[in-house]
Structure formats: structure tokens, C-alpha cells
């Protein structure tokens, strides 16, 4: 009787492990797939005038509200402490790398929470630069570079985790989402350099970070 019970317990544990593995894989697929879908929405929701229906206004209002309620008060306090905006950028990058490491080793939910924390630093560095009159070209370049490294690290963590689970589809989706994420930033920068309006769409970095963090 004891041996039968022990065998059933082992079978249950193996079944639970398999279900958890597949559930985790499908959840990551859903997250990365959602990121890809949102990134392609600007291609399908354009009006004849070349802009998205209300998305620019909605995003601008939400960003202005968040900046006024949270970012500006915290930035003014940080400005009095003498903290450098570039220091916030570096700290945010390190936190993002910690999130990528957590995802890679299997602590996916914890990685999502850590990624949200990193997003706060990413939002505060620019506000601090404006509040302390320390807006520089080097700071802007550092911020953009740190953002790209952070995104690559997180999607790399997802790909690494998928490799460990033998999930080839998860690896390909993580890679595709990374490429699409980089294309969003590249196209916006390129369009601004050419004088073409490129601030449309609903897949800017804040939306991508929030979506990915909540999905993790």
C-alpha cells in the first residue's frame, strides 16, 4: 500500500511538472505574441491622414498625468539631493539586468516585478534631468543605449529560459519580439532624422515594458 501511494505521488509530481512547464511556455508565448501584435497595430489602424485614431492623444494624456502626479514631484525631491540623472539611468539598467537574470533562471514572476521597478527609474531619469536643468546630449544617448541593452537582456532571458525548457517556439518568439522592439526605436529615430512624423502608434517603450512585465 505504501509503495502504491508513493508511486501515485511520483506520478502526480511528474504530471504537475509537465503541466507547469507547458503553462509557463504558453504564457510566455502569449506575452511575446501580444507584444508583436501591438507593435503591428500602427500598420492596420492608420487613418487616411497617416495617424492613428486617438492613440497619440490618449498616450499623451496618460503620460502627462503620470508625469504630473508621480515623476515631477519625485524628480524635484531627487534634484535637491544632488542625484545625477545618469546615475538613475545606470541603476535602472542594472535592475533590468537583474530582471533578465531572474527570468533566465526560472523566477519569471519575480522578473516581471523587478522589470516594473526598472521602468520607474527609466521614467525618472528624464524628469530629473529636466528638473535639475541637466539635460545633455550624452545623457540622452546613454538613456537610449541603456534602454536597448535592457530590452535585449530581458528578451534574451526569455529565450534562455525557453531553451532550458526545450521550447523552440518560445525562443523564436522572443527573438522576433526583440527584433520588432528594436525596429520600433529605429524607425522612430530614422523618421525624426528625415523629418517624417514618427511619434504615432501605441508600442513605445513604456507600453512595451508594462505589457511584458505584467505578462511575466
Protein backbone atom coordinates (compact mmCIF):
# COMPACT_ATOMS: atom_id res chain seq x y z
CA UNK A 1 0.00 0.00 0.00
CA UNK A 2 2.78 2.42 0.90
CA UNK A 3 4.59 1.61 -2.35
CA UNK A 4 1.43 2.23 -4.39
CA UNK A 5 0.86 5.55 -2.65
CA UNK A 6 4.50 6.53 -3.25
CA UNK A 7 4.17 5.66 -6.96
CA UNK A 8 1.00 7.72 -7.30
CA UNK A 9 2.69 10.66 -5.60
CA UNK A 10 5.61 10.49 -8.04
CA UNK A 11 3.23 10.30 -10.99
CA UNK A 12 1.31 13.31 -9.73
CA UNK A 13 4.51 15.30 -9.25
CA UNK A 14 5.68 14.45 -12.77
CA UNK A 15 2.30 15.41 -14.24
CA UNK A 16 2.29 18.67 -12.30
CA UNK A 17 5.80 19.47 -13.51
CA UNK A 18 4.82 18.83 -17.13
CA UNK A 19 1.68 20.97 -16.84
CA UNK A 20 3.63 23.77 -15.20
CA UNK A 21 6.23 23.63 -17.94
CA UNK A 22 3.64 23.83 -20.70
CA UNK A 23 1.63 26.51 -18.90
CA UNK A 24 4.73 28.62 -18.43
CA UNK A 25 5.66 28.17 -22.08
CA UNK A 26 2.22 29.14 -23.32
CA UNK A 27 2.14 32.16 -21.03
CA UNK A 28 5.44 33.38 -22.45
CA UNK A 29 4.12 32.73 -25.96
CA UNK A 30 1.06 34.85 -25.18
CA UNK A 31 3.15 37.68 -23.78
CA UNK A 32 5.58 37.85 -26.68
CA UNK A 33 2.77 37.36 -29.17
CA UNK A 34 0.86 40.25 -27.61
CA UNK A 35 3.95 42.45 -27.88
CA UNK A 36 4.24 41.60 -31.56
CA UNK A 37 0.53 42.24 -32.19
CA UNK A 38 0.64 45.65 -30.52
CA UNK A 39 3.75 46.59 -32.47
CA UNK A 40 1.94 45.85 -35.74
CA UNK A 41 -1.22 47.79 -34.84
CA UNK A 42 0.10 51.05 -36.34
CA UNK A 43 0.16 49.29 -39.72
CA UNK A 44 -3.53 48.39 -39.53
CA UNK A 45 -5.09 51.33 -37.65
CA UNK A 46 -3.79 54.21 -39.77
CA UNK A 47 -6.32 56.75 -40.93
CA UNK A 48 -6.08 58.25 -44.42
CA UNK A 49 -4.25 61.24 -42.91
CA UNK A 50 -1.50 58.92 -41.68
CA UNK A 51 -2.16 58.95 -37.94
CA UNK A 52 -3.70 56.53 -35.50
CA UNK A 53 -7.24 57.06 -34.30
CA UNK A 54 -6.82 58.79 -31.00
CA UNK A 55 -3.86 56.78 -29.79
CA UNK A 56 -1.46 59.73 -29.81
CA UNK A 57 -3.86 61.87 -27.73
CA UNK A 58 -4.65 59.06 -25.32
CA UNK A 59 -0.98 58.24 -24.75
CA UNK A 60 -0.06 61.90 -24.36
CA UNK A 61 -2.75 62.46 -21.74
CA UNK A 62 -1.77 59.36 -19.77
CA UNK A 63 1.91 60.31 -19.89
CA UNK A 64 1.17 63.89 -18.82
CA UNK A 65 -0.95 62.68 -15.90
CA UNK A 66 1.67 60.21 -14.71
CA UNK A 67 4.41 62.81 -15.06
CA UNK A 68 2.48 65.44 -13.12
CA UNK A 69 1.33 63.11 -10.32
CA UNK A 70 4.44 60.96 -9.86
CA UNK A 71 7.53 61.76 -11.92
CA UNK A 72 7.79 65.52 -11.39
CA UNK A 73 7.36 65.50 -7.56
CA UNK A 74 9.87 62.67 -7.14
CA UNK A 75 12.26 64.31 -9.61
CA UNK A 76 12.16 67.62 -7.70
CA UNK A 77 12.97 65.77 -4.48
CA UNK A 78 15.83 63.90 -6.13
CA UNK A 79 17.16 67.17 -7.59
CA UNK A 80 17.51 68.54 -4.06
CA UNK A 81 19.56 65.50 -3.07
CA UNK A 82 22.03 66.05 -5.89
CA UNK A 83 21.48 62.67 -7.57
CA UNK A 84 22.66 62.57 -11.18
CA UNK A 85 20.17 61.64 -13.95
CA UNK A 86 22.86 59.43 -15.50
CA UNK A 87 23.16 57.57 -12.19
CA UNK A 88 19.43 56.78 -12.32
CA UNK A 89 19.87 55.52 -15.87
CA UNK A 90 22.67 53.16 -14.81
CA UNK A 91 20.72 51.93 -11.79
CA UNK A 92 17.67 51.27 -13.98
CA UNK A 93 19.85 49.30 -16.40
CA UNK A 94 21.30 47.18 -13.59
CA UNK A 95 17.81 46.44 -12.28
CA UNK A 96 16.72 45.42 -15.79
CA UNK A 97 19.69 43.06 -15.98
CA UNK A 98 18.62 41.59 -12.65
CA UNK A 99 15.13 41.07 -14.09
CA UNK A 100 16.61 39.32 -17.13
CA UNK A 101 18.66 37.05 -14.88
CA UNK A 102 15.60 36.19 -12.78
CA UNK A 103 13.65 35.26 -15.91
CA UNK A 104 16.53 33.20 -17.28
CA UNK A 105 16.85 31.07 -14.14
CA UNK A 106 13.11 30.46 -13.85
CA UNK A 107 11.84 33.17 -11.49
CA UNK A 108 9.62 34.60 -14.19
CA UNK A 109 7.04 36.36 -12.00
CA UNK A 110 9.78 37.92 -9.88
CA UNK A 111 11.44 39.08 -13.08
CA UNK A 112 8.24 40.89 -14.05
CA UNK A 113 8.11 42.73 -10.73
CA UNK A 114 11.78 43.69 -10.99
CA UNK A 115 11.21 44.90 -14.56
CA UNK A 116 8.43 47.22 -13.37
CA UNK A 117 10.82 48.66 -10.78
CA UNK A 118 13.37 49.27 -13.51
CA UNK A 119 10.69 51.07 -15.52
CA UNK A 120 10.27 53.58 -12.69
CA UNK A 121 13.94 54.52 -12.91
CA UNK A 122 13.64 54.78 -16.68
CA UNK A 123 10.80 57.26 -16.25
CA UNK A 124 12.52 59.29 -13.54
CA UNK A 125 15.90 59.91 -15.17
CA UNK A 126 14.49 62.20 -17.85
CA UNK A 127 12.24 64.01 -15.36
CA UNK A 128 15.22 64.52 -13.05
CA UNK A 129 17.33 65.90 -15.89
CA UNK A 130 14.64 68.47 -16.68
CA UNK A 131 14.00 69.34 -13.02
CA UNK A 132 17.70 69.90 -12.32
CA UNK A 133 18.49 71.60 -15.66
CA UNK A 134 20.96 68.85 -16.54
CA UNK A 135 19.60 67.81 -19.93
CA UNK A 136 22.56 66.81 -22.08
CA UNK A 137 23.11 65.02 -25.38
CA UNK A 138 25.29 62.47 -23.63
CA UNK A 139 22.51 61.75 -21.14
CA UNK A 140 20.02 61.22 -23.96
CA UNK A 141 22.44 58.89 -25.75
CA UNK A 142 23.14 56.97 -22.54
CA UNK A 143 19.43 56.60 -21.83
CA UNK A 144 18.67 55.30 -25.33
CA UNK A 145 21.57 52.86 -25.21
CA UNK A 146 20.60 51.59 -21.77
CA UNK A 147 17.03 51.04 -22.98
CA UNK A 148 18.18 48.90 -25.90
CA UNK A 149 20.54 46.85 -23.70
CA UNK A 150 17.78 46.32 -21.13
CA UNK A 151 15.30 45.12 -23.75
CA UNK A 152 17.84 42.78 -25.30
CA UNK A 153 18.69 41.35 -21.88
CA UNK A 154 15.08 40.65 -20.91
CA UNK A 155 14.16 39.01 -24.20
CA UNK A 156 17.45 37.13 -24.03
CA UNK A 157 16.42 35.88 -20.59
CA UNK A 158 13.13 34.65 -22.02
CA UNK A 159 14.95 32.90 -24.85
CA UNK A 160 17.41 31.29 -22.43
CA UNK A 161 14.56 30.03 -20.26
CA UNK A 162 12.80 28.64 -23.32
CA UNK A 163 15.99 26.82 -24.35
CA UNK A 164 16.16 25.22 -20.92
CA UNK A 165 12.58 24.01 -21.32
CA UNK A 166 13.17 22.72 -24.84
CA UNK A 167 10.66 25.27 -26.12
CA UNK A 168 11.80 26.16 -29.63
CA UNK A 169 8.71 28.25 -30.35
CA UNK A 170 9.40 30.37 -27.27
CA UNK A 171 12.94 31.04 -28.46
CA UNK A 172 11.76 32.15 -31.89
CA UNK A 173 9.01 34.37 -30.48
CA UNK A 174 11.42 36.03 -28.05
CA UNK A 175 13.82 36.70 -30.92
CA UNK A 176 11.03 38.06 -33.13
CA UNK A 177 9.79 40.34 -30.34
CA UNK A 178 13.32 41.63 -29.77
CA UNK A 179 13.73 42.47 -33.47
CA UNK A 180 10.33 44.17 -33.57
CA UNK A 181 11.16 46.14 -30.42
CA UNK A 182 14.40 47.40 -31.91
CA UNK A 183 12.61 48.28 -35.16
CA UNK A 184 10.16 50.50 -33.29
CA UNK A 185 13.00 52.55 -31.84
CA UNK A 186 14.98 52.56 -35.10
CA UNK A 187 12.03 53.65 -37.23
CA UNK A 188 11.14 56.45 -34.87
CA UNK A 189 14.70 57.76 -34.77
CA UNK A 190 15.08 57.40 -38.54
CA UNK A 191 11.79 59.15 -39.26
CA UNK A 192 12.74 62.06 -36.99
CA UNK A 193 16.06 62.38 -38.81
CA UNK A 194 14.22 62.52 -42.15
CA UNK A 195 11.62 64.99 -40.91
CA UNK A 196 8.79 62.47 -41.12
CA UNK A 197 6.31 62.27 -38.19
CA UNK A 198 7.25 59.13 -36.27
CA UNK A 199 5.59 59.55 -32.88
CA UNK A 200 2.46 57.58 -33.72
CA UNK A 201 1.48 54.11 -32.56
CA UNK A 202 0.93 52.52 -29.16
CA UNK A 203 4.10 50.49 -28.77
CA UNK A 204 6.52 53.00 -27.28
CA UNK A 205 8.94 51.73 -24.65
CA UNK A 206 6.69 52.38 -21.60
CA UNK A 207 3.87 50.33 -23.13
CA UNK A 208 6.25 47.52 -24.04
CA UNK A 209 7.76 47.40 -20.55
CA UNK A 210 4.37 47.37 -18.82
CA UNK A 211 2.93 44.73 -21.14
CA UNK A 212 5.93 42.44 -20.80
CA UNK A 213 6.20 42.88 -17.03
CA UNK A 214 2.52 42.13 -16.45
CA UNK A 215 2.69 39.10 -18.72
CA UNK A 216 5.71 37.69 -16.89
